Amino acid sequence: MKKVIFIVALLLSVIPLNAQRKISFSVELEAGAGVWKGPLFTVSPEFVAQYGFSNGIHVGAGAGVRFSMPCLQYITTNGTPRRKFINENDIPVFLRVGYSKNMFFANLDGGYAIGVYSFYGKDWTPGGKTENIYNGFFLRPHAGLNLGRGHSLSLGVLLQQSTVKNHVSSTTAESATSVVTTEHLLTPAITLRYGFTF
């Protein structure tokens, strides 16, 4: 975690102080819902600092706090899938590169989610703490519109490195089989992001 914070601080410090008019700060709120082996939901308030070049390209860095319910188990019984979720808090730290022209913009965030706390929900036995599912790298492309007066809205995809237990079972009159595997993959969530730049 110390290395990630040091890298972000170093990148922000190389921006020339005499070019402060090109530096912008934004407070952003992202909310999303997963598909396939993605989370039930994810909500993340974040702070971003970025530097804009005259050709429309901007680079920056940010961090936030994420509250989510990632998929711990993907269960397929006789061909019918369902997901079981846990509650989790983590800290996403990321770098951003993007392009804007007129009112349109597109960004690509890439970073690391530092798992802080993870616990089972009410429908789990036993309850209590567990290992973090979101504790790794993520990519987050998103594109949207500048709405004026510092407001923006964008649609994107969160691809978060996750650990998911995959349960496949089938039952017939003659036999029953069950296979459990652990997968490490990028799980998707469709996201909506609101930003206020100052």
C-alpha atoms as a PDB file:
ATOM      1  CA  MET A   1       0.000   0.000   0.000  1.00  0.00           C
ATOM      2  CA  LYS A   2       2.876   2.376   0.855  1.00  0.00           C
ATOM      3  CA  LYS A   3       4.362   1.831  -2.630  1.00  0.00           C
ATOM      4  CA  VAL A   4       1.085   2.724  -4.356  1.00  0.00           C
ATOM      5  CA  ILE A   5       0.658   5.904  -2.299  1.00  0.00           C
ATOM      6  CA  PHE A   6       4.295   6.881  -2.969  1.00  0.00           C
ATOM      7  CA  ILE A   7       3.885   6.405  -6.748  1.00  0.00           C
ATOM      8  CA  VAL A   8       0.697   8.517  -6.818  1.00  0.00           C
ATOM      9  CA  ALA A   9       2.384  11.265  -4.758  1.00  0.00           C
ATOM     10  CA  LEU A  10       5.441  11.191  -7.013  1.00  0.00           C
ATOM     11  CA  LEU A  11       3.357  11.493 -10.183  1.00  0.00           C
ATOM     12  CA  LEU A  12       1.449  14.446  -8.787  1.00  0.00           C
ATOM     13  CA  SER A  13       4.654  16.186  -7.670  1.00  0.00           C
ATOM     14  CA  VAL A  14       6.207  16.197 -11.159  1.00  0.00           C
ATOM     15  CA  ILE A  15       3.483  18.511 -12.454  1.00  0.00           C
ATOM     16  CA  PRO A  16       5.028  21.992 -12.735  1.00  0.00           C
ATOM     17  CA  LEU A  17       3.754  24.389 -10.105  1.00  0.00           C
ATOM     18  CA  ASN A  18       3.621  27.274 -12.581  1.00  0.00           C
ATOM     19  CA  ALA A  19       1.013  25.414 -14.652  1.00  0.00           C
ATOM     20  CA  GLN A  20      -1.620  25.311 -11.922  1.00  0.00           C
ATOM     21  CA  ARG A  21      -4.311  26.749 -14.165  1.00  0.00           C
ATOM     22  CA  LYS A  22      -4.220  23.440 -16.086  1.00  0.00           C
ATOM     23  CA  ILE A  23      -4.618  21.353 -12.945  1.00  0.00           C
ATOM     24  CA  SER A  24      -8.156  20.396 -11.973  1.00  0.00           C
ATOM     25  CA  PHE A  25      -9.627  18.549  -9.041  1.00  0.00           C
ATOM     26  CA  SER A  26     -12.853  16.605  -8.967  1.00  0.00           C
ATOM     27  CA  VAL A  27     -15.049  14.780  -6.516  1.00  0.00           C
ATOM     28  CA  GLU A  28     -16.701  11.810  -8.205  1.00  0.00           C
ATOM     29  CA  LEU A  29     -19.306   9.237  -7.198  1.00  0.00           C
ATOM     30  CA  GLU A  30     -19.525   5.920  -9.024  1.00  0.00           C
ATOM     31  CA  ALA A  31     -22.336   3.388  -8.621  1.00  0.00           C
ATOM     32  CA  GLY A  32     -22.672   0.127 -10.481  1.00  0.00           C
ATOM     33  CA  ALA A  33     -24.181  -3.334 -10.716  1.00  0.00           C
ATOM     34  CA  GLY A  34     -22.445  -6.506 -11.803  1.00  0.00           C
ATOM     35  CA  VAL A  35     -23.176  -8.931 -14.587  1.00  0.00           C
ATOM     36  CA  TRP A  36     -22.084 -12.567 -14.855  1.00  0.00           C
ATOM     37  CA  LYS A  37     -19.737 -13.104 -11.866  1.00  0.00           C
ATOM     38  CA  GLY A  38     -19.704  -9.405 -10.993  1.00  0.00           C
ATOM     39  CA  PRO A  39     -20.931  -7.737  -7.792  1.00  0.00           C
ATOM     40  CA  LEU A  40     -24.511  -7.214  -6.693  1.00  0.00           C
ATOM     41  CA  PHE A  41     -23.637  -3.519  -6.388  1.00  0.00           C
ATOM     42  CA  THR A  42     -20.667  -1.206  -5.920  1.00  0.00           C
ATOM     43  CA  VAL A  43     -20.565   2.427  -4.693  1.00  0.00           C
ATOM     44  CA  SER A  44     -17.386   4.502  -4.599  1.00  0.00           C
ATOM     45  CA  PRO A  45     -16.856   8.180  -3.693  1.00  0.00           C
ATOM     46  CA  GLU A  46     -13.467   9.332  -5.048  1.00  0.00           C
ATOM     47  CA  PHE A  47     -11.165  12.333  -5.293  1.00  0.00           C
ATOM     48  CA  VAL A  48      -9.188  12.908  -8.537  1.00  0.00           C
ATOM     49  CA  ALA A  49      -6.452  15.388  -9.477  1.00  0.00           C
ATOM     50  CA  GLN A  50      -5.549  15.746 -13.158  1.00  0.00           C
ATOM     51  CA  TYR A  51      -3.478  17.849 -15.507  1.00  0.00           C
ATOM     52  CA  GLY A  52      -4.894  18.915 -18.872  1.00  0.00           C
ATOM     53  CA  PHE A  53      -2.736  19.426 -21.954  1.00  0.00           C
ATOM     54  CA  SER A  54      -3.693  21.833 -24.751  1.00  0.00           C
ATOM     55  CA  ASN A  55      -4.476  18.990 -27.196  1.00  0.00           C
ATOM     56  CA  GLY A  56      -7.331  17.650 -25.025  1.00  0.00           C
ATOM     57  CA  ILE A  57      -5.355  14.859 -23.352  1.00  0.00           C
ATOM     58  CA  HIS A  58      -5.382  14.778 -19.558  1.00  0.00           C
ATOM     59  CA  VAL A  59      -3.582  12.604 -17.014  1.00  0.00           C
ATOM     60  CA  GLY A  60      -4.096  12.280 -13.306  1.00  0.00           C
ATOM     61  CA  ALA A  61      -4.446  10.146 -10.223  1.00  0.00           C
ATOM     62  CA  GLY A  62      -7.125   9.453  -7.678  1.00  0.00           C
ATOM     63  CA  ALA A  63      -8.235   7.455  -4.673  1.00  0.00           C
ATOM     64  CA  GLY A  64     -11.471   6.690  -2.894  1.00  0.00           C
ATOM     65  CA  VAL A  65     -13.420   4.342  -0.677  1.00  0.00           C
ATOM     66  CA  ARG A  66     -15.513   1.563  -2.199  1.00  0.00           C
ATOM     67  CA  PHE A  67     -18.484  -0.220  -0.625  1.00  0.00           C
ATOM     68  CA  SER A  68     -19.566  -3.310  -2.551  1.00  0.00           C
ATOM     69  CA  MET A  69     -21.081  -6.770  -2.483  1.00  0.00           C
ATOM     70  CA  PRO A  70     -18.794  -8.855  -4.727  1.00  0.00           C
ATOM     71  CA  CYS A  71     -19.663 -12.366  -5.828  1.00  0.00           C
ATOM     72  CA  LEU A  72     -17.989 -14.957  -3.590  1.00  0.00           C
ATOM     73  CA  GLN A  73     -19.711 -18.030  -5.049  1.00  0.00           C
ATOM     74  CA  TYR A  74     -21.088 -18.635  -8.544  1.00  0.00           C
ATOM     75  CA  ILE A  75     -23.311 -21.688  -8.184  1.00  0.00           C
ATOM     76  CA  THR A  76     -24.688 -23.628 -11.169  1.00  0.00           C
ATOM     77  CA  THR A  77     -27.210 -26.331 -10.270  1.00  0.00           C
ATOM     78  CA  ASN A  78     -28.536 -28.439 -13.145  1.00  0.00           C
ATOM     79  CA  GLY A  79     -27.627 -25.631 -15.569  1.00  0.00           C
ATOM     80  CA  THR A  80     -29.249 -22.813 -13.546  1.00  0.00           C
ATOM     81  CA  PRO A  81     -26.773 -20.214 -12.214  1.00  0.00           C
ATOM     82  CA  ARG A  82     -27.065 -18.080  -9.083  1.00  0.00           C
ATOM     83  CA  ARG A  83     -24.651 -15.871  -7.139  1.00  0.00           C
ATOM     84  CA  LYS A  84     -23.858 -15.528  -3.427  1.00  0.00           C
ATOM     85  CA  PHE A  85     -22.354 -12.263  -2.223  1.00  0.00           C
ATOM     86  CA  ILE A  86     -20.367 -10.884   0.700  1.00  0.00           C
ATOM     87  CA  ASN A  87     -20.026  -7.331   2.060  1.00  0.00           C
ATOM     88  CA  GLU A  88     -16.737  -5.583   1.445  1.00  0.00           C
ATOM     89  CA  ASN A  89     -14.901  -2.263   1.852  1.00  0.00           C
ATOM     90  CA  ASP A  90     -11.742  -1.399  -0.054  1.00  0.00           C
ATOM     91  CA  ILE A  91      -9.631   1.571  -1.133  1.00  0.00           C
ATOM     92  CA  PRO A  92      -9.203   2.002  -4.914  1.00  0.00           C
ATOM     93  CA  VAL A  93      -6.035   3.903  -5.897  1.00  0.00           C
ATOM     94  CA  PHE A  94      -5.638   4.633  -9.616  1.00  0.00           C
ATOM     95  CA  LEU A  95      -3.999   6.537 -12.449  1.00  0.00           C
ATOM     96  CA  ARG A  96      -6.089   8.146 -15.172  1.00  0.00           C
ATOM     97  CA  VAL A  97      -5.478   8.997 -18.806  1.00  0.00           C
ATOM     98  CA  GLY A  98      -8.187  10.564 -20.926  1.00  0.00           C
ATOM     99  CA  TYR A  99      -9.230  12.793 -23.772  1.00  0.00           C
ATOM    100  CA  SER A 100     -11.860  15.517 -23.936  1.00  0.00           C
ATOM    101  CA  LYS A 101     -13.215  17.612 -26.774  1.00  0.00           C
ATOM    102  CA  ASN A 102     -15.985  20.157 -26.374  1.00  0.00           C
ATOM    103  CA  MET A 103     -18.522  18.525 -24.071  1.00  0.00           C
ATOM    104  CA  PHE A 104     -17.461  14.906 -24.644  1.00  0.00           C
ATOM    105  CA  PHE A 105     -14.752  12.995 -22.753  1.00  0.00           C
ATOM    106  CA  ALA A 106     -13.384   9.481 -22.315  1.00  0.00           C
ATOM    107  CA  ASN A 107     -11.179   8.195 -19.493  1.00  0.00           C
ATOM    108  CA  LEU A 108      -9.307   5.012 -18.684  1.00  0.00           C
ATOM    109  CA  ASP A 109      -8.555   4.424 -15.018  1.00  0.00           C
ATOM    110  CA  GLY A 110      -6.156   1.688 -14.018  1.00  0.00           C
ATOM    111  CA  GLY A 111      -5.250   0.912 -10.453  1.00  0.00           C
ATOM    112  CA  TYR A 112      -5.260  -1.331  -7.444  1.00  0.00           C
ATOM    113  CA  ALA A 113      -7.993  -2.023  -4.890  1.00  0.00           C
ATOM    114  CA  ILE A 114      -6.617  -2.444  -1.384  1.00  0.00           C
ATOM    115  CA  GLY A 115      -8.929  -4.730   0.572  1.00  0.00           C
ATOM    116  CA  VAL A 116      -9.781  -3.307   4.008  1.00  0.00           C
ATOM    117  CA  TYR A 117     -12.669  -5.293   5.480  1.00  0.00           C
ATOM    118  CA  SER A 118     -14.868  -8.143   4.290  1.00  0.00           C
ATOM    119  CA  PHE A 119     -17.667  -9.970   6.099  1.00  0.00           C
ATOM    120  CA  TYR A 120     -20.446 -12.447   5.424  1.00  0.00           C
ATOM    121  CA  GLY A 121     -24.074 -11.330   5.181  1.00  0.00           C
ATOM    122  CA  LYS A 122     -27.070 -12.558   7.192  1.00  0.00           C
ATOM    123  CA  ASP A 123     -27.738 -15.517   4.880  1.00  0.00           C
ATOM    124  CA  TRP A 124     -24.323 -17.106   5.593  1.00  0.00           C
ATOM    125  CA  THR A 125     -23.528 -19.707   8.234  1.00  0.00           C
ATOM    126  CA  PRO A 126     -21.129 -19.195   9.889  1.00  0.00           C
ATOM    127  CA  GLY A 127     -20.966 -15.397   9.784  1.00  0.00           C
ATOM    128  CA  GLY A 128     -18.052 -13.118  10.628  1.00  0.00           C
ATOM    129  CA  LYS A 129     -15.047 -11.819   8.722  1.00  0.00           C
ATOM    130  CA  THR A 130     -13.605 -13.398   5.599  1.00  0.00           C
ATOM    131  CA  GLU A 131     -10.845 -12.695   3.085  1.00  0.00           C
ATOM    132  CA  ASN A 132     -11.328  -9.832   0.637  1.00  0.00           C
ATOM    133  CA  ILE A 133     -12.627 -10.694  -2.828  1.00  0.00           C
ATOM    134  CA  TYR A 134     -11.667  -7.282  -4.269  1.00  0.00           C
ATOM    135  CA  ASN A 135      -7.963  -7.086  -3.505  1.00  0.00           C
ATOM    136  CA  GLY A 136      -6.088  -6.547  -6.737  1.00  0.00           C
ATOM    137  CA  PHE A 137      -5.810  -4.681 -10.020  1.00  0.00           C
ATOM    138  CA  PHE A 138      -8.699  -3.094 -11.882  1.00  0.00           C
ATOM    139  CA  LEU A 139      -9.429  -1.333 -15.183  1.00  0.00           C
ATOM    140  CA  ARG A 140     -12.248   1.164 -15.570  1.00  0.00           C
ATOM    141  CA  PRO A 141     -12.980   2.713 -18.989  1.00  0.00           C
ATOM    142  CA  HIS A 142     -15.782   5.294 -19.009  1.00  0.00           C
ATOM    143  CA  ALA A 143     -17.072   7.979 -21.369  1.00  0.00           C
ATOM    144  CA  GLY A 144     -19.554  10.765 -20.952  1.00  0.00           C
ATOM    145  CA  LEU A 145     -20.607  14.392 -21.163  1.00  0.00           C
ATOM    146  CA  ASN A 146     -19.526  17.606 -19.464  1.00  0.00           C
ATOM    147  CA  LEU A 147     -22.844  19.138 -18.419  1.00  0.00           C
ATOM    148  CA  GLY A 148     -21.511  22.612 -17.626  1.00  0.00           C
ATOM    149  CA  ARG A 149     -20.559  24.421 -14.408  1.00  0.00           C
ATOM    150  CA  GLY A 150     -18.194  21.613 -13.449  1.00  0.00           C
ATOM    151  CA  HIS A 151     -20.760  18.799 -13.593  1.00  0.00           C
ATOM    152  CA  SER A 152     -20.212  15.612 -15.624  1.00  0.00           C
ATOM    153  CA  LEU A 153     -21.907  12.259 -16.136  1.00  0.00           C
ATOM    154  CA  SER A 154     -20.392   9.118 -17.646  1.00  0.00           C
ATOM    155  CA  LEU A 155     -21.153   5.470 -18.295  1.00  0.00           C
ATOM    156  CA  GLY A 156     -18.486   2.802 -17.952  1.00  0.00           C
ATOM    157  CA  VAL A 157     -17.363  -0.677 -17.010  1.00  0.00           C
ATOM    158  CA  LEU A 158     -15.447  -1.751 -13.911  1.00  0.00           C
ATOM    159  CA  LEU A 159     -13.242  -4.805 -14.466  1.00  0.00           C
ATOM    160  CA  GLN A 160     -11.971  -5.818 -11.013  1.00  0.00           C
ATOM    161  CA  GLN A 161      -9.545  -8.630 -10.247  1.00  0.00           C
ATOM    162  CA  SER A 162     -11.505 -11.026  -8.022  1.00  0.00           C
ATOM    163  CA  THR A 163     -11.438 -14.474  -6.468  1.00  0.00           C
ATOM    164  CA  VAL A 164     -14.659 -16.422  -7.109  1.00  0.00           C
ATOM    165  CA  LYS A 165     -15.524 -19.955  -6.035  1.00  0.00           C
ATOM    166  CA  ASN A 166     -17.241 -21.733  -8.923  1.00  0.00           C
ATOM    167  CA  HIS A 167     -19.684 -24.512  -7.857  1.00  0.00           C
ATOM    168  CA  VAL A 168     -21.148 -26.777 -10.551  1.00  0.00           C
ATOM    169  CA  SER A 169     -23.535 -29.534  -9.518  1.00  0.00           C
ATOM    170  CA  SER A 170     -26.036 -31.749 -11.260  1.00  0.00           C
ATOM    171  CA  THR A 171     -28.555 -34.201  -9.895  1.00  0.00           C
ATOM    172  CA  THR A 172     -30.320 -36.985 -11.746  1.00  0.00           C
ATOM    173  CA  ALA A 173     -32.345 -39.989 -10.584  1.00  0.00           C
ATOM    174  CA  GLU A 174     -29.210 -42.144 -10.812  1.00  0.00           C
ATOM    175  CA  SER A 175     -26.411 -39.856  -9.545  1.00  0.00           C
ATOM    176  CA  ALA A 176     -25.316 -36.513  -8.130  1.00  0.00           C
ATOM    177  CA  THR A 177     -22.070 -34.710  -8.979  1.00  0.00           C
ATOM    178  CA  SER A 178     -20.492 -31.556  -7.607  1.00  0.00           C
ATOM    179  CA  VAL A 179     -17.283 -29.777  -8.622  1.00  0.00           C
ATOM    180  CA  VAL A 180     -15.812 -26.738  -6.819  1.00  0.00           C
ATOM    181  CA  THR A 181     -13.005 -24.634  -8.315  1.00  0.00           C
ATOM    182  CA  THR A 182     -11.471 -21.282  -7.421  1.00  0.00           C
ATOM    183  CA  GLU A 183     -11.113 -18.731 -10.223  1.00  0.00           C
ATOM    184  CA  HIS A 184      -9.030 -15.560 -10.338  1.00  0.00           C
ATOM    185  CA  LEU A 185     -10.559 -13.318 -12.997  1.00  0.00           C
ATOM    186  CA  LEU A 186     -11.658  -9.797 -13.920  1.00  0.00           C
ATOM    187  CA  THR A 187     -15.309  -9.529 -12.913  1.00  0.00           C
ATOM    188  CA  PRO A 188     -17.476  -6.907 -14.692  1.00  0.00           C
ATOM    189  CA  ALA A 189     -19.860  -4.241 -13.430  1.00  0.00           C
ATOM    190  CA  ILE A 190     -21.729  -1.603 -15.445  1.00  0.00           C
ATOM    191  CA  THR A 191     -21.186   1.787 -13.787  1.00  0.00           C
ATOM    192  CA  LEU A 192     -22.633   5.287 -13.784  1.00  0.00           C
ATOM    193  CA  ARG A 193     -20.344   8.100 -12.596  1.00  0.00           C
ATOM    194  CA  TYR A 194     -21.150  11.654 -11.545  1.00  0.00           C
ATOM    195  CA  GLY A 195     -18.336  14.177 -11.175  1.00  0.00           C
ATOM    196  CA  PHE A 196     -17.973  17.733  -9.953  1.00  0.00           C
ATOM    197  CA  THR A 197     -14.790  19.504 -11.078  1.00  0.00           C
ATOM    198  CA  PHE A 198     -13.382  22.594  -9.371  1.00  0.00           C
END
